[in-house]
Amino acid sequence: MKNLLAYIIIPTIAAGIASGCRKADAVPRAGGNVISDMFMTLEGKGKERLFESRFSNDTFYFSIPYFQPEESDNATDLKRLIVRATIPTDATLLPGLGEPMDLSSPVNLKVTSGDGAVSSYVLVAKQVADLELDKATITYTENGAAQQVDAIINNITNEAVFYIVPGTNVSSVTLTSSMSPHSKCSIDNGTVLNLNQSVPFTVTGIDGTSKTYTLVAKEPVKLSSGAGISRMLWKKTASELTGLTSNDVNRAMAVSGDYLVVVLSNTPSTYKIYNRKTGAYVQDMAVPPGSLRSFAIANDSAGHILVTSYAAKGSGVFYVYQYNNVFDNAPVKLIQWTNNNPAAIAGDGGVGRRVNVYGDVTKDAVIMATAGVSNVVFSWRISNGTLVSNTPTTQVYQGASPWSFYAEAQPIGTTATADYFVNYPAEIALVNGSSNGRSVAFTTETSVVGTLHMPMDYFNFNNANFLAVVTFKNVNSTKAGLSVFDVTRTSNIGLTSGSAGFNSFRIFTSADANDLTAVSNGNGVADVCSVLNDDRERICVYMLLTNGGIVGYEFTKYAP
């Protein structure tokens, strides 16, 4: 056994010795010597890419602002910049990077590859002033109200373009602008300019360098369909509107020509006329015969005002009076119907809290009114200027359990089976007029339809169809904004805020600063109405918040 082990061990050791004397294989060295990326940062900023390079002819150029952040007073120091670069794994770079270095003058760099090949670079850093115009705004007066337009600033062409809708006078506009706090401009804020011709505007930096912009007013592009540039016309609180009380009775509003009408739902109700371009009180509108209490008024597409009455279930009478304009002293009774509860509504069943119309009541139109605490819509149709029947068609919406006291049904056509929108706290939905079933509903996202929502107005403008919706921002309905949706393609109605195409669906949502607010809103109501301007190039949408006030917006056929 001993001899056998010797025979095994000795050859094994010999083989190991022979193997140990064998020379290792050489590892090939890489030949890359190119800097593939370079950026700069400051002390304390780690690997944050604060300054990017521009490469040309073996030189990396850096433009370093005098201050970082540029709007701060934190001065940058060319002698304390940190450079970071990417080179091949087998290469070396001299001088070494990653620590503060002096770049007040050019620095030569050498990258040596693993096989000894050398490439040379130059690193150049220069401090530059911030010469960019951040914002420019002009203010002018139109119809007694201040209007503002922000410029679209192009820092390549150095133009600040104000897109002005045709017909606007820009011969006397007030300019305000903003830029780096370390730069100066050639035109002081508050200066009055004539933008019928272009105006040069120069920004001068901390180092004396300068950049000249051209301020110019241009007519925007006319869209073949849809709405483009929009603006707020004016906003007035309830206390600024003569005769508009704050005791929950200013519930509805209509528009005709150059005038708004707000109903105060006392018994008998009164109707306040305001200039829609300024909000100035004009006079009261003539009251209809009898001692009507109006919760709702509306206007058709031709500016006829419809004054309606509230009709309780059982024996209440629903009246609709037609005014040709706000100064019509002899309104005509269009509808007189006793609410005998034909749908056998178990709940409230009152009619007339909300009334909507589509079309022209002197031609073809549909009028809809919801019944309280139900899912019932009553509709009346007008054909060739004649009411088809004083008795309404009963339409039972199939997509809902009973809504509360307030709900809206907005027709979007003039036929007997026209589709319509319903709007009540649970949903906003398009309804098939034949089946009365839901076709498609809006998302319920608060960011889209508000905490609550309800008043709406459907209108046609520039070959497209729109739905304006009042969105309440709290559960008390004391803060409200306006959103406008392009519902031309009904397939878009169900889009969520994150969906592709959503911004083409919701074309407008009012800025928070422009929202209307009220101390209270006992009935949780508001209203919205729309009217085409005389030139038919613009449409104006007005929103009323009960106890809060009125705000107006303008939408145009033009886009930048």
Protein backbone atom coordinates (compact mmCIF):
# COMPACT_ATOMS: atom_id res chain seq x y z
CA MET A 1 0.00 0.00 0.00
CA LYS A 2 2.84 2.38 0.95
CA ASN A 3 4.63 1.84 -2.33
CA LEU A 4 1.39 2.35 -4.24
CA LEU A 5 0.82 5.77 -2.65
CA ALA A 6 4.34 6.79 -3.56
CA TYR A 7 3.67 5.97 -7.17
CA ILE A 8 0.56 8.17 -7.11
CA ILE A 9 1.84 11.19 -5.13
CA ILE A 10 5.21 11.64 -6.81
CA PRO A 11 3.88 11.99 -10.38
CA THR A 12 1.16 14.36 -9.14
CA ILE A 13 3.68 16.65 -7.44
CA ALA A 14 5.88 16.61 -10.48
CA ALA A 15 2.99 17.61 -12.67
CA GLY A 16 2.14 20.42 -10.28
CA ILE A 17 5.72 21.71 -10.33
CA ALA A 18 5.77 21.64 -14.09
CA SER A 19 2.49 23.52 -14.21
CA GLY A 20 3.73 26.13 -11.73
CA CYS A 21 6.68 26.95 -13.96
CA ARG A 22 4.43 27.75 -16.96
CA LYS A 23 4.27 31.53 -17.92
CA ALA A 24 0.81 33.24 -17.63
CA ASP A 25 -1.01 34.31 -20.82
CA ALA A 26 -0.74 38.07 -21.58
CA VAL A 27 -3.95 40.15 -21.16
CA PRO A 28 -4.54 42.33 -24.23
CA ARG A 29 -4.83 46.08 -23.47
CA ALA A 30 -7.74 48.12 -24.83
CA GLY A 31 -7.08 50.85 -27.37
CA GLY A 32 -9.88 53.35 -26.57
CA ASN A 33 -8.82 56.90 -25.71
CA VAL A 34 -11.95 58.97 -26.38
CA ILE A 35 -13.89 61.13 -23.89
CA SER A 36 -17.49 60.14 -24.56
CA ASP A 37 -19.20 62.47 -22.08
CA MET A 38 -18.31 65.49 -19.96
CA PHE A 39 -20.22 67.80 -17.63
CA MET A 40 -19.54 70.14 -14.72
CA THR A 41 -20.97 70.56 -11.27
CA LEU A 42 -20.27 72.52 -8.11
CA GLU A 43 -19.05 71.56 -4.67
CA GLY A 44 -21.78 69.93 -2.65
CA LYS A 45 -23.82 68.97 -5.73
CA GLY A 46 -22.45 65.44 -6.08
CA LYS A 47 -22.96 64.09 -9.59
CA GLU A 48 -25.69 66.59 -10.50
CA ARG A 49 -25.28 67.72 -14.11
CA LEU A 50 -25.42 71.48 -13.66
CA PHE A 51 -23.51 72.54 -16.78
CA GLU A 52 -23.37 70.70 -20.10
CA SER A 53 -20.55 70.94 -22.65
CA ARG A 54 -20.38 71.85 -26.32
CA PHE A 55 -17.70 69.92 -28.22
CA SER A 56 -15.86 71.24 -31.29
CA ASN A 57 -12.41 70.44 -32.76
CA ASP A 58 -11.13 68.52 -29.72
CA THR A 59 -12.29 71.26 -27.36
CA PHE A 60 -14.99 71.05 -24.68
CA TYR A 61 -16.63 74.45 -24.14
CA PHE A 62 -18.65 75.29 -21.03
CA SER A 63 -20.82 78.36 -20.47
CA ILE A 64 -21.01 78.98 -16.75
CA PRO A 65 -23.60 81.45 -15.45
CA TYR A 66 -22.39 84.10 -13.05
CA PHE A 67 -24.90 82.81 -10.49
CA GLN A 68 -26.26 79.36 -9.70
CA PRO A 69 -29.21 79.10 -9.54
CA GLU A 70 -29.35 81.96 -12.00
CA GLU A 71 -32.05 83.85 -10.07
CA SER A 72 -30.04 83.62 -6.82
CA ASP A 73 -27.13 85.63 -5.47
CA ASN A 74 -24.88 82.55 -5.27
CA ALA A 75 -21.90 83.51 -7.41
CA THR A 76 -20.01 80.82 -9.31
CA ASP A 77 -16.20 80.60 -9.13
CA LEU A 78 -14.27 79.44 -12.20
CA LYS A 79 -11.47 78.35 -9.86
CA ARG A 80 -13.69 75.87 -7.99
CA LEU A 81 -15.49 73.88 -10.68
CA ILE A 82 -15.78 70.11 -10.65
CA VAL A 83 -15.46 68.31 -13.98
CA ARG A 84 -16.71 64.78 -14.56
CA ALA A 85 -15.99 62.73 -17.69
CA THR A 86 -16.47 59.26 -19.12
CA ILE A 87 -13.47 57.45 -20.65
CA PRO A 88 -12.81 53.77 -21.59
CA THR A 89 -12.23 51.48 -18.59
CA ASP A 90 -8.62 50.74 -19.55
CA ALA A 91 -7.67 54.39 -20.18
CA THR A 92 -6.20 57.06 -17.93
CA LEU A 93 -6.81 60.82 -17.95
CA LEU A 94 -4.48 63.59 -16.85
CA PRO A 95 -4.94 65.80 -14.98
CA GLY A 96 -7.32 63.85 -12.80
CA LEU A 97 -10.93 65.04 -12.50
CA GLY A 98 -13.60 64.90 -9.80
CA GLU A 99 -12.10 67.54 -7.49
CA PRO A 100 -12.44 71.35 -7.63
CA MET A 101 -10.12 72.70 -10.30
CA ASP A 102 -9.11 76.08 -11.67
CA LEU A 103 -10.74 76.74 -15.05
CA SER A 104 -10.09 80.47 -15.18
CA SER A 105 -7.87 79.65 -18.15
CA PRO A 106 -7.95 76.72 -20.65
CA VAL A 107 -6.83 73.32 -19.36
CA ASN A 108 -5.15 70.66 -21.52
CA LEU A 109 -6.28 67.08 -21.05
CA LYS A 110 -4.61 63.84 -22.17
CA VAL A 111 -6.33 60.48 -22.41
CA THR A 112 -3.97 57.49 -22.71
CA SER A 113 -5.41 54.19 -23.85
CA GLY A 114 -4.38 50.85 -22.40
CA ASP A 115 -2.09 50.21 -25.37
CA GLY A 116 -0.41 53.61 -25.00
CA ALA A 117 -2.22 55.67 -27.66
CA VAL A 118 -2.76 59.29 -26.57
CA SER A 119 -5.49 61.78 -27.47
CA SER A 120 -5.42 65.44 -26.47
CA TYR A 121 -8.32 67.71 -25.53
CA VAL A 122 -8.75 71.28 -24.34
CA LEU A 123 -11.21 72.29 -21.65
CA VAL A 124 -12.52 75.87 -21.80
CA ALA A 125 -14.94 77.47 -19.31
CA LYS A 126 -16.34 80.97 -19.64
CA GLN A 127 -18.73 82.88 -17.43
CA VAL A 128 -21.77 84.23 -19.25
CA ALA A 129 -24.56 86.57 -18.22
CA ASP A 130 -28.21 85.51 -18.31
CA LEU A 131 -29.64 87.55 -21.16
CA GLU A 132 -32.92 85.73 -21.61
CA LEU A 133 -36.27 87.47 -21.46
CA ASP A 134 -38.32 85.24 -19.17
CA LYS A 135 -41.75 86.84 -19.57
CA ALA A 136 -43.38 89.79 -21.31
CA THR A 137 -47.00 90.85 -20.87
CA ILE A 138 -49.02 93.66 -22.38
CA THR A 139 -52.10 95.16 -20.76
CA TYR A 140 -54.74 97.15 -22.62
CA THR A 141 -58.34 98.22 -22.12
CA GLU A 142 -61.22 96.87 -24.18
CA ASN A 143 -64.86 97.71 -23.48
CA GLY A 144 -63.81 99.24 -20.18
CA ALA A 145 -62.10 96.06 -18.93
CA ALA A 146 -58.37 95.45 -18.60
CA GLN A 147 -57.05 92.68 -20.84
CA GLN A 148 -53.68 90.93 -20.71
CA VAL A 149 -51.75 88.96 -23.31
CA ASP A 150 -48.51 87.08 -22.62
CA ALA A 151 -45.84 86.91 -25.29
CA ILE A 152 -44.58 83.68 -26.83
CA ILE A 153 -40.82 84.14 -26.48
CA ASN A 154 -38.46 82.52 -28.97
CA ASN A 155 -34.89 82.65 -27.69
CA ILE A 156 -33.53 81.46 -31.02
CA THR A 157 -35.09 84.13 -33.24
CA ASN A 158 -35.13 86.60 -30.33
CA GLU A 159 -38.77 87.47 -30.91
CA ALA A 160 -41.43 88.08 -28.27
CA VAL A 161 -44.69 87.62 -30.14
CA PHE A 162 -48.05 88.80 -28.82
CA TYR A 163 -50.80 86.98 -30.69
CA ILE A 164 -53.64 89.46 -30.99
CA VAL A 165 -57.09 88.60 -32.29
CA PRO A 166 -58.08 90.76 -35.29
CA GLY A 167 -59.90 93.95 -34.38
CA THR A 168 -57.95 94.57 -31.17
CA ASN A 169 -56.39 98.04 -30.73
CA VAL A 170 -52.75 97.72 -29.62
CA SER A 171 -51.71 101.32 -30.20
CA SER A 172 -51.52 101.99 -26.47
CA VAL A 173 -50.47 98.95 -24.42
CA THR A 174 -48.61 98.79 -21.13
CA LEU A 175 -45.60 96.48 -20.94
CA THR A 176 -44.36 94.46 -18.00
CA SER A 177 -41.46 92.03 -18.26
CA SER A 178 -39.23 89.84 -16.15
CA MET A 179 -35.70 88.48 -16.51
CA SER A 180 -32.70 87.63 -14.33
CA PRO A 181 -32.50 89.94 -11.30
CA HIS A 182 -28.87 90.57 -12.28
CA SER A 183 -29.80 91.91 -15.73
CA LYS A 184 -31.38 95.16 -16.87
CA CYS A 185 -33.82 95.94 -19.66
CA SER A 186 -34.14 98.88 -22.03
CA ILE A 187 -37.86 99.43 -21.37
CA ASP A 188 -39.12 99.93 -17.83
CA ASN A 189 -42.19 98.14 -16.55
CA GLY A 190 -45.28 100.30 -16.96
CA THR A 191 -44.10 101.90 -20.20
CA VAL A 192 -46.85 102.48 -22.78
CA LEU A 193 -46.01 101.15 -26.25
CA ASN A 194 -47.54 101.25 -29.71
CA LEU A 195 -47.42 97.68 -31.01
CA ASN A 196 -48.80 98.58 -34.40
CA GLN A 197 -45.08 98.46 -35.23
CA SER A 198 -42.33 96.24 -33.83
CA VAL A 199 -40.40 97.50 -30.79
CA PRO A 200 -36.79 96.58 -29.89
CA PHE A 201 -36.21 95.37 -26.33
CA THR A 202 -32.65 94.91 -25.04
CA VAL A 203 -31.52 92.85 -22.06
CA THR A 204 -28.09 93.80 -20.67
CA GLY A 205 -26.23 91.39 -18.40
CA ILE A 206 -24.02 91.85 -15.38
CA ASP A 207 -20.90 91.81 -17.59
CA GLY A 208 -22.17 94.41 -20.06
CA THR A 209 -23.09 91.96 -22.80
CA SER A 210 -26.54 92.38 -24.30
CA LYS A 211 -29.23 90.70 -26.36
CA THR A 212 -31.95 92.49 -28.31
CA TYR A 213 -35.43 91.05 -28.74
CA THR A 214 -38.15 92.26 -31.05
CA LEU A 215 -41.56 92.83 -29.47
CA VAL A 216 -44.18 92.29 -32.13
CA ALA A 217 -47.96 91.87 -32.35
CA LYS A 218 -49.10 89.26 -34.85
CA GLU A 219 -52.41 87.96 -36.04
CA PRO A 220 -52.71 84.29 -35.08
CA VAL A 221 -53.58 81.43 -37.42
CA LYS A 222 -57.29 80.88 -38.05
CA LEU A 223 -58.36 77.34 -37.19
CA SER A 224 -60.54 75.34 -39.54
CA SER A 225 -62.36 73.93 -36.53
CA GLY A 226 -62.32 74.14 -32.75
CA ALA A 227 -61.33 76.88 -30.33
CA GLY A 228 -57.90 78.43 -29.89
CA ILE A 229 -56.78 81.50 -27.96
CA SER A 230 -58.89 82.23 -24.88
CA ARG A 231 -58.89 84.91 -22.22
CA MET A 232 -60.82 86.09 -19.20
CA LEU A 233 -62.97 89.12 -20.07
CA TRP A 234 -63.86 90.32 -16.60
CA LYS A 235 -64.80 89.10 -13.15
CA LYS A 236 -67.03 90.79 -10.60
CA THR A 237 -68.07 89.69 -7.15
CA ALA A 238 -71.70 89.78 -6.03
CA SER A 239 -71.06 92.99 -4.13
CA GLU A 240 -69.71 94.63 -7.30
CA LEU A 241 -72.81 93.75 -9.34
CA THR A 242 -75.65 96.18 -8.67
CA GLY A 243 -78.76 94.36 -7.52
CA LEU A 244 -77.14 90.94 -7.21
CA THR A 245 -77.99 89.78 -3.71
CA SER A 246 -76.20 87.20 -1.60
CA ASN A 247 -79.17 85.35 -0.07
CA ASP A 248 -79.22 82.28 -2.36
CA VAL A 249 -81.76 83.66 -4.84
CA ASN A 250 -79.47 84.47 -7.80
CA ARG A 251 -79.60 80.97 -9.24
CA ALA A 252 -79.70 81.28 -13.03
CA MET A 253 -78.44 83.42 -15.90
CA ALA A 254 -79.07 83.84 -19.63
CA VAL A 255 -77.47 85.93 -22.37
CA SER A 256 -78.90 87.79 -25.36
CA GLY A 257 -77.01 90.18 -27.62
CA ASP A 258 -74.82 92.39 -25.46
CA TYR A 259 -76.65 91.65 -22.23
CA LEU A 260 -76.80 89.14 -19.40
CA VAL A 261 -79.95 88.50 -17.39
CA VAL A 262 -79.83 87.12 -13.85
CA VAL A 263 -83.01 85.94 -12.13
CA LEU A 264 -83.59 86.59 -8.44
CA SER A 265 -85.91 83.77 -7.43
CA ASN A 266 -88.13 85.60 -5.00
CA THR A 267 -91.92 85.53 -5.41
CA PRO A 268 -92.51 87.25 -7.72
CA SER A 269 -89.10 86.94 -9.30
CA THR A 270 -87.16 89.86 -10.74
CA TYR A 271 -84.65 89.88 -13.59
CA LYS A 272 -81.49 92.01 -13.59
CA ILE A 273 -79.93 93.10 -16.89
CA TYR A 274 -76.14 93.63 -17.08
CA ASN A 275 -73.87 94.69 -19.92
CA ARG A 276 -72.07 91.45 -20.75
CA LYS A 277 -68.92 93.28 -21.86
CA THR A 278 -68.42 95.22 -18.64
CA GLY A 279 -70.74 93.79 -15.98
CA ALA A 280 -72.43 97.18 -15.53
CA TYR A 281 -76.05 97.08 -14.38
CA VAL A 282 -78.46 98.38 -17.05
CA GLN A 283 -82.02 97.94 -15.73
CA ASP A 284 -84.54 95.30 -14.71
CA MET A 285 -86.18 93.19 -17.40
CA ALA A 286 -89.97 93.27 -17.67
CA VAL A 287 -91.63 90.56 -15.58
CA PRO A 288 -93.96 88.05 -17.23
CA PRO A 289 -97.68 88.05 -16.45
CA GLY A 290 -98.75 86.67 -13.10
CA SER A 291 -96.65 86.31 -9.99
CA LEU A 292 -94.16 83.71 -11.17
CA ARG A 293 -91.32 82.33 -9.15
CA SER A 294 -88.43 81.53 -11.49
CA PHE A 295 -85.61 79.24 -10.49
CA ALA A 296 -84.35 78.88 -14.07
CA ILE A 297 -84.01 81.01 -17.17
CA ALA A 298 -82.26 80.13 -20.41
CA ASN A 299 -81.42 81.47 -23.86
CA ASP A 300 -81.64 79.77 -27.23
CA SER A 301 -79.07 80.02 -30.01
CA ALA A 302 -80.74 83.14 -31.45
CA GLY A 303 -80.78 85.09 -28.18
CA HIS A 304 -84.40 84.54 -27.21
CA ILE A 305 -84.76 84.54 -23.43
CA LEU A 306 -86.90 81.82 -21.84
CA VAL A 307 -88.30 82.67 -18.41
CA THR A 308 -89.69 79.62 -16.65
CA SER A 309 -91.60 78.96 -13.45
CA TYR A 310 -91.19 76.34 -10.76
CA ALA A 311 -94.00 73.73 -10.72
CA ALA A 312 -94.40 71.50 -7.68
CA LYS A 313 -95.62 67.95 -8.24
CA GLY A 314 -99.39 67.61 -8.29
CA SER A 315 -100.93 70.95 -9.26
CA GLY A 316 -97.98 73.28 -9.90
CA VAL A 317 -98.01 74.97 -13.31
CA PHE A 318 -94.89 75.10 -15.43
CA TYR A 319 -94.79 78.23 -17.56
CA VAL A 320 -92.31 79.22 -20.22
CA TYR A 321 -92.37 82.79 -21.53
CA GLN A 322 -90.40 83.81 -24.60
CA TYR A 323 -88.66 87.20 -24.82
CA ASN A 324 -87.28 88.30 -28.18
CA ASN A 325 -84.57 90.27 -26.35
CA VAL A 326 -83.90 91.65 -22.90
CA PHE A 327 -85.88 94.82 -23.62
CA ASP A 328 -88.99 92.97 -24.81
CA ASN A 329 -91.89 94.29 -22.70
CA ALA A 330 -94.45 91.87 -24.14
CA PRO A 331 -93.17 88.32 -23.66
CA VAL A 332 -95.20 85.51 -25.26
CA LYS A 333 -96.37 82.48 -23.33
CA LEU A 334 -94.83 79.43 -24.99
CA ILE A 335 -95.73 76.63 -22.56
CA GLN A 336 -98.35 76.21 -19.81
CA TRP A 337 -98.39 72.71 -18.35
CA THR A 338 -99.73 71.40 -15.05
CA ASN A 339 -97.29 69.06 -13.37
CA ASN A 340 -99.73 66.20 -12.73
CA ASN A 341 -96.86 63.78 -12.17
CA PRO A 342 -97.31 61.72 -15.35
CA ALA A 343 -94.26 59.60 -14.51
CA ALA A 344 -95.63 58.67 -11.07
CA ILE A 345 -92.53 60.00 -9.33
CA ALA A 346 -92.42 58.92 -5.71
CA GLY A 347 -90.01 61.63 -4.65
CA ASP A 348 -90.10 65.41 -4.90
CA GLY A 349 -91.02 65.54 -8.60
CA GLY A 350 -90.85 69.34 -8.81
CA VAL A 351 -90.12 70.74 -12.30
CA GLY A 352 -88.36 73.97 -13.20
CA ARG A 353 -85.30 74.10 -10.96
CA ARG A 354 -83.10 73.62 -14.04
CA VAL A 355 -84.16 74.18 -17.67
CA ASN A 356 -82.02 73.82 -20.80
CA VAL A 357 -82.70 74.50 -24.48
CA TYR A 358 -81.07 73.70 -27.80
CA GLY A 359 -81.89 75.38 -31.10
CA ASP A 360 -83.95 78.46 -32.03
CA VAL A 361 -87.46 78.58 -30.56
CA THR A 362 -88.71 80.50 -33.60
CA LYS A 363 -87.55 77.64 -35.82
CA ASP A 364 -86.63 74.25 -34.35
CA ALA A 365 -85.73 73.61 -30.73
CA VAL A 366 -85.96 71.22 -27.80
CA ILE A 367 -86.53 72.36 -24.20
CA MET A 368 -85.70 70.00 -21.33
CA ALA A 369 -86.48 70.21 -17.61
CA THR A 370 -85.58 67.64 -14.94
CA ALA A 371 -87.87 66.49 -12.15
CA GLY A 372 -86.50 66.60 -8.61
CA VAL A 373 -85.47 63.42 -6.78
CA SER A 374 -86.07 61.21 -9.80
CA ASN A 375 -84.44 60.12 -13.03
CA VAL A 376 -87.12 61.77 -15.18
CA VAL A 377 -86.60 64.36 -17.91
CA PHE A 378 -89.54 66.22 -19.46
CA SER A 379 -89.01 67.57 -22.98
CA TRP A 380 -90.93 69.86 -25.32
CA ARG A 381 -90.20 70.12 -29.03
CA ILE A 382 -90.69 73.09 -31.31
CA SER A 383 -90.89 72.46 -35.07
CA ASN A 384 -90.96 75.28 -37.64
CA GLY A 385 -91.61 77.77 -34.85
CA THR A 386 -94.63 75.91 -33.42
CA LEU A 387 -94.80 73.98 -30.15
CA VAL A 388 -95.53 70.36 -31.09
CA SER A 389 -97.43 69.65 -27.86
CA ASN A 390 -98.05 71.46 -24.60
CA THR A 391 -97.79 68.05 -22.91
CA PRO A 392 -94.14 67.05 -22.53
CA THR A 393 -92.53 63.81 -23.56
CA THR A 394 -91.49 61.82 -20.49
CA GLN A 395 -87.97 60.44 -20.77
CA VAL A 396 -86.72 58.19 -17.98
CA TYR A 397 -82.94 58.08 -17.84
CA GLN A 398 -81.91 54.44 -17.52
CA GLY A 399 -78.41 54.99 -16.21
CA ALA A 400 -79.11 56.34 -12.74
CA SER A 401 -80.85 55.86 -9.47
CA PRO A 402 -82.81 59.02 -8.59
CA TRP A 403 -80.74 62.20 -8.52
CA SER A 404 -81.38 64.85 -5.90
CA PHE A 405 -83.31 68.10 -6.30
CA TYR A 406 -80.90 69.59 -8.80
CA ALA A 407 -79.95 67.93 -12.08
CA GLU A 408 -79.62 69.16 -15.65
CA ALA A 409 -80.56 67.63 -19.00
CA GLN A 410 -79.05 69.43 -22.00
CA PRO A 411 -80.39 68.49 -25.46
CA ILE A 412 -77.90 68.52 -28.32
CA GLY A 413 -80.34 68.27 -31.21
CA THR A 414 -83.85 69.32 -32.25
CA THR A 415 -85.41 66.00 -33.27
CA ALA A 416 -87.88 63.98 -31.20
CA THR A 417 -85.15 61.51 -30.25
CA ALA A 418 -82.26 63.93 -29.89
CA ASP A 419 -79.40 62.83 -27.65
CA TYR A 420 -78.81 64.80 -24.46
CA PHE A 421 -76.33 65.24 -21.64
CA VAL A 422 -77.27 64.67 -18.01
CA ASN A 423 -75.33 66.35 -15.23
CA TYR A 424 -75.85 65.72 -11.53
CA PRO A 425 -73.43 65.04 -8.67
CA ALA A 426 -72.86 61.37 -9.55
CA GLU A 427 -71.93 61.83 -13.20
CA ILE A 428 -71.86 63.76 -16.44
CA ALA A 429 -73.03 61.52 -19.26
CA LEU A 430 -74.17 61.57 -22.86
CA VAL A 431 -77.53 59.84 -23.19
CA ASN A 432 -79.02 58.14 -26.24
CA GLY A 433 -82.24 60.00 -27.00
CA SER A 434 -83.99 56.89 -28.32
CA SER A 435 -83.20 54.42 -25.53
CA ASN A 436 -82.53 56.97 -22.74
CA GLY A 437 -79.54 54.83 -21.82
CA ARG A 438 -76.04 56.13 -21.11
CA SER A 439 -73.84 56.23 -24.21
CA VAL A 440 -70.66 57.37 -22.50
CA ALA A 441 -69.79 59.12 -19.23
CA PHE A 442 -67.10 61.56 -18.18
CA THR A 443 -64.35 60.43 -15.85
CA THR A 444 -65.15 61.08 -12.21
CA GLU A 445 -61.66 62.43 -11.45
CA THR A 446 -61.84 65.47 -9.20
CA SER A 447 -59.09 67.14 -11.22
CA VAL A 448 -61.35 66.98 -14.28
CA VAL A 449 -64.95 67.45 -13.07
CA GLY A 450 -64.38 69.01 -9.66
CA THR A 451 -65.43 67.91 -6.21
CA LEU A 452 -68.97 68.55 -7.41
CA HIS A 453 -70.37 69.76 -10.73
CA MET A 454 -73.67 70.59 -12.29
CA PRO A 455 -74.54 73.57 -14.50
CA MET A 456 -73.58 73.04 -18.14
CA ASP A 457 -74.09 74.63 -21.53
CA TYR A 458 -73.75 72.98 -24.93
CA PHE A 459 -72.79 75.12 -27.90
CA ASN A 460 -71.53 74.91 -31.47
CA PHE A 461 -68.56 77.02 -32.52
CA ASN A 462 -66.22 76.93 -35.50
CA ASN A 463 -67.31 73.52 -36.82
CA ALA A 464 -67.02 71.89 -33.40
CA ASN A 465 -69.26 71.09 -30.43
CA PHE A 466 -68.47 72.07 -26.85
CA LEU A 467 -69.76 71.44 -23.35
CA ALA A 468 -69.03 74.10 -20.73
CA VAL A 469 -69.26 72.78 -17.16
CA VAL A 470 -69.11 74.58 -13.83
CA THR A 471 -66.84 72.64 -11.47
CA PHE A 472 -67.15 73.18 -7.74
CA LYS A 473 -63.87 73.00 -5.87
CA ASN A 474 -65.30 72.07 -2.45
CA VAL A 475 -68.22 70.18 -0.94
CA ASN A 476 -69.96 73.43 0.04
CA SER A 477 -70.06 74.63 -3.59
CA THR A 478 -68.61 77.99 -2.51
CA LYS A 479 -65.67 77.96 -4.92
CA ALA A 480 -66.23 77.34 -8.61
CA GLY A 481 -64.27 77.26 -11.84
CA LEU A 482 -65.09 76.66 -15.48
CA SER A 483 -64.01 73.84 -17.77
CA VAL A 484 -64.79 73.55 -21.49
CA PHE A 485 -64.70 70.22 -23.32
CA ASP A 486 -64.62 69.59 -27.06
CA VAL A 487 -67.26 66.85 -27.41
CA THR A 488 -67.28 66.79 -31.22
CA ARG A 489 -65.85 63.28 -31.07
CA THR A 490 -68.08 61.59 -28.55
CA SER A 491 -65.53 58.78 -28.23
CA ASN A 492 -63.31 61.25 -26.33
CA ILE A 493 -65.87 61.90 -23.61
CA GLY A 494 -64.65 59.02 -21.44
CA LEU A 495 -60.97 60.06 -21.53
CA THR A 496 -59.14 60.28 -18.22
CA SER A 497 -56.66 63.02 -17.40
CA GLY A 498 -53.72 60.74 -18.24
CA SER A 499 -55.08 59.61 -21.59
CA ALA A 500 -53.50 60.53 -24.90
CA GLY A 501 -55.62 63.25 -26.47
CA PHE A 502 -57.03 64.52 -23.16
CA ASN A 503 -55.74 68.06 -23.70
CA SER A 504 -57.58 68.19 -27.01
CA PHE A 505 -60.73 67.07 -25.20
CA ARG A 506 -60.58 69.46 -22.25
CA ILE A 507 -59.56 72.57 -24.11
CA PHE A 508 -59.85 74.96 -21.19
CA THR A 509 -59.88 75.01 -17.42
CA SER A 510 -59.92 78.30 -15.56
CA ALA A 511 -56.98 79.38 -13.46
CA ASP A 512 -57.47 78.99 -9.73
CA ALA A 513 -57.00 82.74 -9.28
CA ASN A 514 -60.00 83.37 -11.56
CA ASP A 515 -62.39 81.09 -9.67
CA LEU A 516 -65.50 82.63 -8.15
CA THR A 517 -66.00 82.30 -4.39
CA ALA A 518 -68.95 82.83 -2.06
CA VAL A 519 -69.36 82.85 1.70
CA SER A 520 -72.23 80.38 1.32
CA ASN A 521 -74.26 78.64 -1.37
CA GLY A 522 -77.24 77.08 0.34
CA ASN A 523 -78.65 75.42 -2.78
CA GLY A 524 -75.28 74.45 -4.23
CA VAL A 525 -76.06 76.02 -7.62
CA ALA A 526 -74.52 78.14 -10.33
CA ASP A 527 -75.12 78.69 -14.03
CA VAL A 528 -73.32 79.03 -17.35
CA CYS A 529 -74.39 80.44 -20.72
CA SER A 530 -72.76 81.31 -24.05
CA VAL A 531 -73.18 83.74 -26.93
CA LEU A 532 -71.44 84.37 -30.25
CA ASN A 533 -69.92 87.80 -30.81
CA ASP A 534 -71.29 89.81 -33.71
CA ASP A 535 -68.28 88.95 -35.86
CA ARG A 536 -68.87 85.24 -35.13
CA GLU A 537 -65.10 84.87 -34.76
CA ARG A 538 -65.38 84.56 -30.99
CA ILE A 539 -67.74 83.03 -28.49
CA CYS A 540 -68.13 84.24 -24.92
CA VAL A 541 -68.98 81.97 -22.01
CA TYR A 542 -70.27 83.47 -18.75
CA MET A 543 -70.41 81.74 -15.38
CA LEU A 544 -72.53 82.71 -12.38
CA LEU A 545 -71.87 81.41 -8.86
CA THR A 546 -74.80 81.91 -6.51
CA ASN A 547 -73.82 84.56 -3.94
CA GLY A 548 -70.38 84.73 -5.58
CA GLY A 549 -70.49 86.81 -8.76
CA ILE A 550 -70.00 86.50 -12.50
CA VAL A 551 -66.94 85.84 -14.67
CA GLY A 552 -66.72 85.93 -18.46
CA TYR A 553 -64.34 84.18 -20.83
CA GLU A 554 -63.76 84.56 -24.56
CA PHE A 555 -62.77 81.79 -26.98
CA THR A 556 -61.58 82.47 -30.52
CA LYS A 557 -61.04 80.69 -33.82
CA TYR A 558 -57.36 81.61 -33.70
CA ALA A 559 -54.25 79.82 -32.45
CA PRO A 560 -50.59 80.94 -32.22
